[in-house]
Amino acid sequence: MEKNLLINGKLVYPNKLKINKKFNIGLIGSGQMALEYIKVIESFNHKLVAIVSTSNSFSSKKISKKYKISLFKSPYLANKKNKNIDAWIVCPHWKNLKKYLYFFLNTEKPVLIEKSIALSSKELKKISHDKIKKSKIMIAYNRIYYDFLPQLVSNIKRNNLLYIEANIYDTFQKIVSSKGNEIKPHLSRYISSHWVALILKIFDLSNIKILKINKEVLQKLKQGNLVKLKFLLKQKNRKIFLNYTHFPDAPKNHSIKFYFENSLIELSPIETLTTFYKLKFVKNKKINSYKALKASVDTNKKFKPGLRFQYYDFINHFLLKKKSYLKTDLLDLTKIYKICELLQK
């Protein structure tokens, strides 16, 4: 199993990632994702110094008491009282992300923030380019930091990639039931943006450009349309096709397949990379078959997959001035949302 990450051309194991300098972190939110981030912050011996929660929930009070830190109603008050906060992690209720995004656009503090799904691609475009360029905002897409990514990108660069097929199965009804009807206009951005972000980042890292996107509604359904997006991609002098099919409420795992001349790489479930090789002709059946070579899985069960490397990349880019090639900024988010919105129109 390859459980490594490629940093500046060198292989680094996730459990060996270290940040020698200590930093003070502010946290917004107190749900499950906040607890996951706290584990990561502690793993680097960084200090949690403030928590913000508008609801003043039991969970936020518990975190405040456990870490002996102040509980604030707003990041403005927290910043005012704690001059020593070096960076923020922002993961509150989805309805509150919009206001926090705008708050951090007007501050100099680095922030790792969950995607603000209440903002559309058109609204994001209204934010001035200069403001985006000056901001220290990184959008949290932990799937981009899965262990398999360097291995996958390396394969795409070295081999003749012919075709990509992505089948994404979203649980729309389940999300609406748990989050309420207010989330319906934002469903494609809430769920699909994870997969679109991953695919786009793989393309960028492999010098693949999107030339064209065609949309086809295969079937109109009450819970959301069955949609296929056909991408025409270019890598150097060759063209590559990607079919991205979006299934609302289908009871299956997500699957992304990369077809090469003599091999196949599959992400299914999305955290697992399986390589198939030795394409061979099956006599009398006229079909091609693949033999599985190995599976590469993020096995560090202590942390949510990709979260520790994402935090490491965030701190390195903004506080240690080591440029990130993986981070997602607001310009990236605009592109991601534009594609997601095609799935719901």
Protein backbone atom coordinates (compact mmCIF):
# COMPACT_ATOMS: atom_id res chain seq x y z
CA MET A 1 0.00 0.00 0.00
CA GLU A 2 1.25 3.46 -0.88
CA LYS A 3 0.36 5.65 2.05
CA ASN A 4 2.50 8.61 1.08
CA LEU A 5 2.11 12.21 -0.06
CA LEU A 6 4.19 14.07 -2.60
CA ILE A 7 5.64 17.31 -1.24
CA ASN A 8 8.14 19.21 -3.40
CA GLY A 9 8.99 15.98 -5.21
CA LYS A 10 9.65 14.04 -1.99
CA LEU A 11 7.56 11.24 -0.53
CA VAL A 12 6.29 11.97 2.97
CA TYR A 13 4.23 9.60 5.15
CA PRO A 14 1.12 11.23 6.70
CA ASN A 15 1.89 10.05 10.22
CA LYS A 16 5.35 11.67 9.95
CA LEU A 17 4.10 15.13 8.98
CA LYS A 18 5.48 17.64 11.47
CA ILE A 19 5.25 21.38 12.04
CA ASN A 20 8.10 22.44 14.31
CA LYS A 21 6.67 25.86 15.14
CA LYS A 22 3.71 26.11 17.55
CA PHE A 23 0.64 28.15 16.65
CA ASN A 24 -2.52 29.36 18.41
CA ILE A 25 -5.78 28.39 16.69
CA GLY A 26 -9.28 29.82 16.94
CA LEU A 27 -12.24 27.55 16.17
CA ILE A 28 -15.73 28.43 14.90
CA GLY A 29 -18.31 25.69 15.37
CA SER A 30 -18.71 22.83 17.81
CA GLY A 31 -20.19 19.97 15.78
CA GLN A 32 -18.60 16.72 14.60
CA MET A 33 -16.26 18.43 12.11
CA ALA A 34 -15.03 20.78 14.85
CA LEU A 35 -14.16 17.77 17.00
CA GLU A 36 -12.28 16.20 14.07
CA TYR A 37 -10.26 19.39 13.61
CA ILE A 38 -9.46 19.56 17.33
CA LYS A 39 -7.84 16.09 17.09
CA VAL A 40 -5.72 17.32 14.18
CA ILE A 41 -4.74 20.57 15.95
CA GLU A 42 -3.64 18.58 19.00
CA SER A 43 -1.66 16.11 16.87
CA PHE A 44 0.65 18.96 15.83
CA ASN A 45 0.93 20.26 19.42
CA HIS A 46 -0.82 23.47 18.42
CA LYS A 47 -2.98 25.26 20.96
CA LEU A 48 -6.72 25.86 20.77
CA VAL A 49 -7.16 29.33 22.32
CA ALA A 50 -10.75 30.40 21.47
CA ILE A 51 -14.06 28.97 20.34
CA VAL A 52 -16.94 30.83 18.66
CA SER A 53 -20.51 29.56 18.77
CA THR A 54 -23.58 31.70 18.13
CA SER A 55 -25.88 29.06 19.61
CA ASN A 56 -23.96 28.75 22.89
CA SER A 57 -24.56 24.99 22.60
CA PHE A 58 -23.79 22.28 25.13
CA SER A 59 -21.00 21.01 22.86
CA SER A 60 -19.32 24.45 22.63
CA LYS A 61 -19.51 24.86 26.43
CA LYS A 62 -17.98 21.41 26.85
CA ILE A 63 -15.07 22.28 24.52
CA SER A 64 -14.60 25.62 26.30
CA LYS A 65 -14.44 23.89 29.68
CA LYS A 66 -12.20 21.02 28.57
CA TYR A 67 -9.55 23.25 26.97
CA LYS A 68 -9.99 26.13 29.44
CA ILE A 69 -10.64 28.62 26.66
CA SER A 70 -13.12 31.48 26.30
CA LEU A 71 -16.39 30.99 24.45
CA PHE A 72 -17.36 33.91 22.17
CA LYS A 73 -20.45 34.89 20.20
CA SER A 74 -18.43 36.25 17.24
CA PRO A 75 -14.90 36.03 15.75
CA TYR A 76 -14.72 39.83 16.00
CA LEU A 77 -14.92 39.65 19.80
CA ALA A 78 -12.54 36.69 19.90
CA ASN A 79 -9.95 38.55 17.77
CA LYS A 80 -10.33 41.63 19.96
CA LYS A 81 -9.74 39.69 23.18
CA ASN A 82 -7.12 37.29 21.80
CA LYS A 83 -4.40 39.13 19.90
CA ASN A 84 -2.38 35.92 19.79
CA ILE A 85 -4.69 33.94 17.45
CA ASP A 86 -2.53 32.91 14.47
CA ALA A 87 -5.22 31.23 12.33
CA TRP A 88 -8.86 30.13 12.29
CA ILE A 89 -10.66 26.88 11.51
CA VAL A 90 -14.28 27.56 10.50
CA CYS A 91 -16.85 24.73 10.44
CA PRO A 92 -20.22 25.94 11.83
CA HIS A 93 -23.76 25.22 10.61
CA TRP A 94 -23.99 25.63 6.82
CA LYS A 95 -26.34 28.64 7.14
CA ASN A 96 -23.67 30.65 8.98
CA LEU A 97 -20.76 30.03 6.60
CA LYS A 98 -21.66 32.93 4.30
CA LYS A 99 -21.29 35.60 6.99
CA TYR A 100 -18.01 34.10 8.24
CA LEU A 101 -16.60 34.06 4.71
CA TYR A 102 -17.32 37.77 4.34
CA PHE A 103 -15.88 38.48 7.79
CA PHE A 104 -12.56 36.82 6.95
CA LEU A 105 -12.39 38.53 3.55
CA ASN A 106 -11.93 41.73 5.52
CA THR A 107 -9.33 40.51 8.02
CA GLU A 108 -5.71 39.50 7.71
CA LYS A 109 -6.07 36.27 9.66
CA PRO A 110 -5.59 33.01 7.70
CA VAL A 111 -8.70 30.85 7.73
CA LEU A 112 -9.48 27.27 6.71
CA ILE A 113 -13.22 27.38 6.07
CA GLU A 114 -15.81 24.84 4.97
CA LYS A 115 -17.39 25.58 1.57
CA SER A 116 -19.99 28.34 1.80
CA ILE A 117 -22.83 26.68 -0.08
CA ALA A 118 -25.31 29.55 0.46
CA LEU A 119 -23.22 31.57 -2.01
CA SER A 120 -23.68 30.77 -5.72
CA SER A 121 -20.93 31.02 -8.35
CA LYS A 122 -22.48 34.32 -9.52
CA GLU A 123 -22.33 35.77 -6.00
CA LEU A 124 -18.74 34.64 -5.59
CA LYS A 125 -17.83 36.36 -8.86
CA LYS A 126 -19.03 39.65 -7.38
CA ILE A 127 -16.21 39.58 -4.84
CA SER A 128 -13.41 41.68 -6.30
CA HIS A 129 -10.38 39.85 -7.68
CA ASP A 130 -8.06 42.04 -5.60
CA LYS A 131 -9.92 41.16 -2.39
CA ILE A 132 -9.69 37.45 -3.21
CA LYS A 133 -6.00 37.75 -4.06
CA LYS A 134 -5.23 39.50 -0.77
CA SER A 135 -7.37 37.18 1.33
CA LYS A 136 -5.87 34.33 3.33
CA ILE A 137 -8.78 31.97 2.79
CA MET A 138 -8.49 28.27 2.03
CA ILE A 139 -11.61 26.20 1.31
CA ALA A 140 -11.73 22.86 3.13
CA TYR A 141 -11.98 19.93 0.70
CA ASN A 142 -10.26 17.11 2.56
CA ARG A 143 -10.76 14.59 -0.28
CA ILE A 144 -8.11 16.48 -2.26
CA TYR A 145 -5.66 15.40 0.45
CA TYR A 146 -6.35 11.66 0.37
CA ASP A 147 -3.24 9.49 0.35
CA PHE A 148 -3.82 8.12 -3.13
CA LEU A 149 -3.68 11.48 -4.93
CA PRO A 150 0.08 11.57 -5.68
CA GLN A 151 -0.08 7.99 -6.97
CA LEU A 152 -3.05 8.82 -9.22
CA VAL A 153 -1.54 12.04 -10.60
CA SER A 154 1.75 10.26 -11.26
CA ASN A 155 -0.11 7.60 -13.29
CA ILE A 156 -1.97 10.23 -15.31
CA LYS A 157 1.28 12.02 -16.14
CA ARG A 158 3.19 8.86 -17.08
CA ASN A 159 0.54 6.85 -18.94
CA ASN A 160 -1.79 7.34 -21.86
CA LEU A 161 -5.10 8.31 -20.21
CA LEU A 162 -7.98 7.57 -22.59
CA TYR A 163 -11.22 8.18 -20.72
CA ILE A 164 -12.62 9.04 -17.28
CA GLU A 165 -15.99 7.91 -15.94
CA ALA A 166 -17.41 9.38 -12.73
CA ASN A 167 -20.66 8.04 -11.24
CA ILE A 168 -21.76 10.07 -8.23
CA TYR A 169 -24.67 8.86 -6.08
CA ASP A 170 -26.11 11.57 -3.87
CA THR A 171 -28.54 11.03 -0.99
CA PHE A 172 -30.72 14.09 -1.57
CA GLN A 173 -33.72 12.97 0.48
CA LYS A 174 -31.55 12.00 3.43
CA ILE A 175 -29.83 15.41 3.39
CA VAL A 176 -33.13 17.32 3.16
CA SER A 177 -34.57 15.26 6.02
CA SER A 178 -31.64 16.08 8.29
CA LYS A 179 -30.92 19.67 7.18
CA GLY A 180 -34.44 20.92 6.33
CA ASN A 181 -36.09 22.17 3.12
CA GLU A 182 -34.00 25.37 3.17
CA ILE A 183 -31.04 23.41 1.87
CA LYS A 184 -32.82 22.31 -1.36
CA PRO A 185 -31.55 25.19 -3.58
CA HIS A 186 -28.00 24.46 -2.39
CA LEU A 187 -28.02 20.65 -2.70
CA SER A 188 -25.64 20.35 -5.67
CA ARG A 189 -23.09 22.60 -3.96
CA TYR A 190 -23.54 20.83 -0.61
CA ILE A 191 -22.82 17.33 -1.85
CA SER A 192 -21.41 17.28 -5.40
CA SER A 193 -18.83 20.00 -4.86
CA HIS A 194 -16.63 17.49 -2.99
CA TRP A 195 -16.35 15.25 -6.05
CA VAL A 196 -16.09 18.11 -8.57
CA ALA A 197 -13.31 19.69 -6.47
CA LEU A 198 -11.41 16.39 -6.40
CA ILE A 199 -11.71 15.88 -10.17
CA LEU A 200 -10.75 19.48 -11.00
CA LYS A 201 -7.73 19.35 -8.71
CA ILE A 202 -6.56 16.11 -10.30
CA PHE A 203 -6.90 17.77 -13.72
CA ASP A 204 -4.97 20.87 -12.63
CA LEU A 205 -2.18 18.80 -11.11
CA SER A 206 -1.90 16.77 -14.30
CA ASN A 207 -1.91 19.79 -16.63
CA ILE A 208 -5.30 18.87 -18.06
CA LYS A 209 -7.50 21.70 -19.32
CA ILE A 210 -11.29 21.65 -19.63
CA LEU A 211 -12.16 22.65 -23.22
CA LYS A 212 -15.90 22.03 -23.24
CA ILE A 213 -18.81 20.84 -21.05
CA ASN A 214 -22.11 19.52 -22.43
CA LYS A 215 -25.10 18.77 -20.23
CA GLU A 216 -27.69 16.03 -20.80
CA VAL A 217 -30.70 15.43 -18.54
CA LEU A 218 -31.22 11.67 -18.73
CA GLN A 219 -34.37 11.63 -16.61
CA LYS A 220 -36.38 14.16 -14.60
CA LEU A 221 -37.07 12.96 -11.08
CA LYS A 222 -38.86 14.45 -8.07
CA GLN A 223 -35.82 14.16 -5.83
CA GLY A 224 -33.46 15.71 -8.40
CA ASN A 225 -32.69 15.09 -12.06
CA LEU A 226 -30.49 12.29 -13.36
CA VAL A 227 -27.84 14.36 -15.15
CA LYS A 228 -24.79 13.61 -17.27
CA LEU A 229 -22.05 16.16 -17.92
CA LYS A 230 -19.72 15.39 -20.81
CA PHE A 231 -16.32 17.04 -20.51
CA LEU A 232 -13.81 17.44 -23.31
CA LEU A 233 -10.33 17.70 -21.79
CA LYS A 234 -6.89 18.37 -23.18
CA GLN A 235 -3.55 17.15 -21.86
CA LYS A 236 -0.65 18.42 -23.96
CA ASN A 237 -1.55 17.37 -27.53
CA ARG A 238 -4.17 14.75 -26.75
CA LYS A 239 -7.87 14.90 -25.94
CA ILE A 240 -9.49 13.04 -23.06
CA PHE A 241 -13.20 12.50 -22.44
CA LEU A 242 -14.90 12.52 -19.04
CA ASN A 243 -18.48 11.44 -18.38
CA TYR A 244 -19.77 12.69 -15.02
CA THR A 245 -23.15 11.12 -14.19
CA HIS A 246 -25.07 12.37 -11.19
CA PHE A 247 -27.63 10.00 -9.59
CA PRO A 248 -29.92 11.48 -6.91
CA ASP A 249 -30.75 9.07 -4.09
CA ALA A 250 -29.17 5.99 -5.66
CA PRO A 251 -28.11 3.28 -3.14
CA LYS A 252 -24.53 2.79 -4.36
CA ASN A 253 -20.97 3.93 -3.67
CA HIS A 254 -19.43 6.78 -5.66
CA SER A 255 -17.12 5.56 -8.39
CA ILE A 256 -14.49 7.34 -10.50
CA LYS A 257 -12.66 5.25 -13.11
CA PHE A 258 -9.55 6.26 -15.07
CA TYR A 259 -9.05 4.16 -18.20
CA PHE A 260 -5.50 3.93 -19.53
CA GLU A 261 -4.18 2.05 -22.55
CA ASN A 262 -3.30 -1.08 -20.56
CA SER A 263 -4.69 -0.48 -17.10
CA LEU A 264 -7.56 0.89 -15.06
CA ILE A 265 -7.58 2.88 -11.82
CA GLU A 266 -10.81 2.98 -9.80
CA LEU A 267 -11.80 5.07 -6.78
CA SER A 268 -14.69 3.20 -5.18
CA PRO A 269 -15.50 3.85 -2.44
CA ILE A 270 -13.91 7.23 -2.93
CA GLU A 271 -11.30 6.74 -0.15
CA THR A 272 -9.89 3.63 -1.84
CA LEU A 273 -7.72 3.47 -4.96
CA THR A 274 -7.57 0.12 -6.75
CA THR A 275 -5.24 -0.46 -9.71
CA PHE A 276 -6.15 -3.04 -12.34
CA TYR A 277 -3.55 -4.10 -14.89
CA LYS A 278 -2.71 -6.69 -17.57
CA LEU A 279 -5.49 -5.92 -20.03
CA LYS A 280 -6.09 -9.20 -21.80
CA PHE A 281 -8.31 -10.63 -24.51
CA VAL A 282 -10.72 -13.36 -23.35
CA LYS A 283 -10.95 -15.99 -26.04
CA ASN A 284 -14.37 -16.52 -27.71
CA LYS A 285 -16.03 -13.84 -25.53
CA LYS A 286 -14.54 -10.80 -27.26
CA ILE A 287 -14.27 -8.80 -24.06
CA ASN A 288 -11.39 -7.16 -22.27
CA SER A 289 -10.73 -7.91 -18.63
CA TYR A 290 -8.49 -6.42 -15.94
CA LYS A 291 -6.63 -8.10 -13.12
CA ALA A 292 -6.50 -6.26 -9.76
CA LEU A 293 -2.98 -5.33 -8.70
CA LYS A 294 -3.38 -3.61 -5.32
CA ALA A 295 -5.51 -1.28 -3.26
CA SER A 296 -4.30 1.93 -1.64
CA VAL A 297 -6.39 3.06 1.32
CA ASP A 298 -6.09 5.80 3.92
CA THR A 299 -5.72 3.52 6.93
CA ASN A 300 -5.09 6.12 9.63
CA LYS A 301 -8.40 5.68 11.44
CA LYS A 302 -7.48 8.15 14.16
CA PHE A 303 -8.16 11.13 11.87
CA LYS A 304 -10.80 11.83 9.25
CA PRO A 305 -9.16 10.92 5.88
CA GLY A 306 -7.17 13.78 4.37
CA LEU A 307 -7.84 16.17 7.26
CA ARG A 308 -4.38 16.10 8.83
CA PHE A 309 -2.52 16.77 5.56
CA GLN A 310 -5.04 19.51 4.68
CA TYR A 311 -4.32 21.30 7.97
CA TYR A 312 -0.58 20.79 7.44
CA ASP A 313 -0.83 22.36 3.96
CA PHE A 314 -2.89 25.29 5.31
CA ILE A 315 -0.38 26.13 8.07
CA ASN A 316 2.58 25.72 5.72
CA HIS A 317 1.11 27.99 3.04
CA PHE A 318 -0.14 30.88 5.17
CA LEU A 319 2.02 30.84 8.30
CA LEU A 320 5.29 29.26 7.16
CA LYS A 321 5.19 30.75 3.63
CA LYS A 322 5.69 27.42 1.85
CA LYS A 323 3.58 27.64 -1.29
CA SER A 324 0.78 25.07 -1.62
CA TYR A 325 0.01 23.39 -4.94
CA LEU A 326 -3.15 21.75 -3.58
CA LYS A 327 -5.09 24.47 -1.77
CA THR A 328 -8.52 25.53 -2.99
CA ASP A 329 -9.10 29.31 -3.02
CA LEU A 330 -12.21 31.37 -3.80
CA LEU A 331 -11.44 31.45 -7.53
CA ASP A 332 -11.30 27.64 -7.52
CA LEU A 333 -14.55 27.55 -5.54
CA THR A 334 -16.28 29.69 -8.21
CA LYS A 335 -15.31 27.14 -10.90
CA ILE A 336 -16.42 24.23 -8.72
CA TYR A 337 -19.82 25.77 -7.98
CA LYS A 338 -20.41 26.67 -11.62
CA ILE A 339 -20.13 22.98 -12.58
CA CYS A 340 -22.22 21.85 -9.58
CA GLU A 341 -25.02 24.22 -10.51
CA LEU A 342 -25.27 22.59 -13.95
CA LEU A 343 -26.37 19.42 -12.14
CA GLN A 344 -29.38 21.08 -10.53
CA LYS A 345 -30.67 23.44 -13.24
